[in-house]
C-alpha atoms as a PDB file:
ATOM      1  CA  MET A   1       3.792  14.162  -7.691  1.00  0.00           C
ATOM      2  CA  THR A   2       1.923  10.878  -8.056  1.00  0.00           C
ATOM      3  CA  LYS A   3       1.558   9.006  -4.785  1.00  0.00           C
ATOM      4  CA  ILE A   4       1.241   5.231  -4.278  1.00  0.00           C
ATOM      5  CA  LEU A   5       0.885   3.016  -1.224  1.00  0.00           C
ATOM      6  CA  VAL A   6       2.891  -0.198  -0.812  1.00  0.00           C
ATOM      7  CA  ILE A   7       1.626  -2.709   1.764  1.00  0.00           C
ATOM      8  CA  ASP A   8       4.149  -5.435   2.491  1.00  0.00           C
ATOM      9  CA  ASP A   9       5.710  -6.841   5.664  1.00  0.00           C
ATOM     10  CA  ASP A  10       9.110  -7.141   3.921  1.00  0.00           C
ATOM     11  CA  ILE A  11      10.810  -3.901   4.984  1.00  0.00           C
ATOM     12  CA  GLU A  12      13.710  -4.259   2.548  1.00  0.00           C
ATOM     13  CA  LEU A  13      11.361  -4.825  -0.398  1.00  0.00           C
ATOM     14  CA  CYS A  14       9.372  -1.731   0.578  1.00  0.00           C
ATOM     15  CA  ALA A  15      12.559   0.331   0.689  1.00  0.00           C
ATOM     16  CA  LEU A  16      13.548  -0.939  -2.764  1.00  0.00           C
ATOM     17  CA  ILE A  17      10.131  -0.130  -4.258  1.00  0.00           C
ATOM     18  CA  ARG A  18      10.255   3.335  -2.677  1.00  0.00           C
ATOM     19  CA  ARG A  19      13.681   4.042  -4.240  1.00  0.00           C
ATOM     20  CA  LEU A  20      12.599   2.773  -7.661  1.00  0.00           C
ATOM     21  CA  ALA A  21       9.397   4.811  -7.520  1.00  0.00           C
ATOM     22  CA  LEU A  22      11.310   7.978  -6.628  1.00  0.00           C
ATOM     23  CA  ASN A  23      13.473   7.441  -9.724  1.00  0.00           C
ATOM     24  CA  GLU A  24      10.226   7.721 -11.721  1.00  0.00           C
ATOM     25  CA  ASN A  25       9.063  10.820  -9.798  1.00  0.00           C
ATOM     26  CA  ILE A  26       6.504   8.786  -7.820  1.00  0.00           C
ATOM     27  CA  ASP A  27       6.130   9.202  -4.071  1.00  0.00           C
ATOM     28  CA  ALA A  28       5.677   5.804  -2.376  1.00  0.00           C
ATOM     29  CA  ASP A  29       4.411   5.416   1.168  1.00  0.00           C
ATOM     30  CA  CYS A  30       4.977   2.025   2.758  1.00  0.00           C
ATOM     31  CA  CYS A  31       3.193   0.221   5.546  1.00  0.00           C
ATOM     32  CA  HIS A  32       3.657  -3.243   6.947  1.00  0.00           C
ATOM     33  CA  SER A  33       0.189  -4.325   8.101  1.00  0.00           C
ATOM     34  CA  GLY A  34      -3.428  -4.077   7.050  1.00  0.00           C
ATOM     35  CA  LYS A  35      -4.335  -1.944  10.033  1.00  0.00           C
ATOM     36  CA  GLU A  36      -1.581   0.552   9.231  1.00  0.00           C
ATOM     37  CA  CYS A  37      -2.754   0.641   5.598  1.00  0.00           C
ATOM     38  CA  LEU A  38      -6.321   1.520   6.519  1.00  0.00           C
ATOM     39  CA  GLU A  39      -5.100   4.356   8.756  1.00  0.00           C
ATOM     40  CA  LYS A  40      -2.956   5.777   5.922  1.00  0.00           C
ATOM     41  CA  LEU A  41      -5.852   5.582   3.456  1.00  0.00           C
ATOM     42  CA  ASN A  42      -7.925   7.813   5.709  1.00  0.00           C
ATOM     43  CA  ASN A  43      -5.184  10.457   5.814  1.00  0.00           C
ATOM     44  CA  SER A  44      -3.798  10.554   2.250  1.00  0.00           C
ATOM     45  CA  GLU A  45      -4.862  10.254  -1.365  1.00  0.00           C
ATOM     46  CA  TYR A  46      -3.162   7.579  -3.478  1.00  0.00           C
ATOM     47  CA  ARG A  47      -3.339   6.714  -7.190  1.00  0.00           C
ATOM     48  CA  LEU A  48      -2.445   3.017  -6.732  1.00  0.00           C
ATOM     49  CA  ILE A  49      -1.994   0.423  -3.992  1.00  0.00           C
ATOM     50  CA  ILE A  50       0.499  -2.443  -4.246  1.00  0.00           C
ATOM     51  CA  LEU A  51      -0.728  -5.087  -1.816  1.00  0.00           C
ATOM     52  CA  ASP A  52       1.018  -8.239  -0.594  1.00  0.00           C
ATOM     53  CA  VAL A  53      -1.304 -11.188   0.043  1.00  0.00           C
ATOM     54  CA  MET A  54       0.738 -12.725   2.884  1.00  0.00           C
ATOM     55  CA  LEU A  55       0.490 -10.147   5.681  1.00  0.00           C
ATOM     56  CA  PRO A  56       0.541 -10.674   9.440  1.00  0.00           C
ATOM     57  CA  GLY A  57      -2.780 -10.385  11.222  1.00  0.00           C
ATOM     58  CA  MET A  58      -5.063  -9.588   8.301  1.00  0.00           C
ATOM     59  CA  ASN A  59      -4.179 -11.192   4.934  1.00  0.00           C
ATOM     60  CA  GLY A  60      -4.174  -9.184   1.706  1.00  0.00           C
ATOM     61  CA  PHE A  61      -7.636 -10.348   0.629  1.00  0.00           C
ATOM     62  CA  GLU A  62      -9.112  -9.224   3.959  1.00  0.00           C
ATOM     63  CA  VAL A  63      -7.312  -5.883   3.593  1.00  0.00           C
ATOM     64  CA  LEU A  64      -8.718  -5.523   0.077  1.00  0.00           C
ATOM     65  CA  GLU A  65     -12.259  -6.104   1.399  1.00  0.00           C
ATOM     66  CA  GLN A  66     -11.760  -3.259   3.882  1.00  0.00           C
ATOM     67  CA  ILE A  67     -10.229  -0.984   1.227  1.00  0.00           C
ATOM     68  CA  ARG A  68     -13.245  -1.537  -1.040  1.00  0.00           C
ATOM     69  CA  LYS A  69     -15.573  -0.343   1.724  1.00  0.00           C
ATOM     70  CA  ILE A  70     -13.947   3.113   1.598  1.00  0.00           C
ATOM     71  CA  SER A  71     -12.266   3.441  -1.810  1.00  0.00           C
ATOM     72  CA  SER A  72     -12.280   2.301  -5.443  1.00  0.00           C
ATOM     73  CA  ILE A  73      -8.556   2.962  -5.872  1.00  0.00           C
ATOM     74  CA  PRO A  74      -6.787   0.465  -8.174  1.00  0.00           C
ATOM     75  CA  VAL A  75      -5.078  -2.350  -6.235  1.00  0.00           C
ATOM     76  CA  TYR A  76      -2.290  -4.554  -7.609  1.00  0.00           C
ATOM     77  CA  LEU A  77      -2.096  -7.863  -5.699  1.00  0.00           C
END
């Protein structure tokens, strides 16, 4: 099964994306901060990242900089 990572602080939106992805036979992991995202990237392999720009702590552009240091995975902002 294809696996994606959704990074957004809106918990309800993450739940909606997860349900819609499952309807398409896609497994979606969700996290709500940049720090949590970077931890998940070290422990799983994803085909795509959906990244919110307005995150608490570290904004989406800062998260993307960190992602690029460890991965070339496609990121949808």
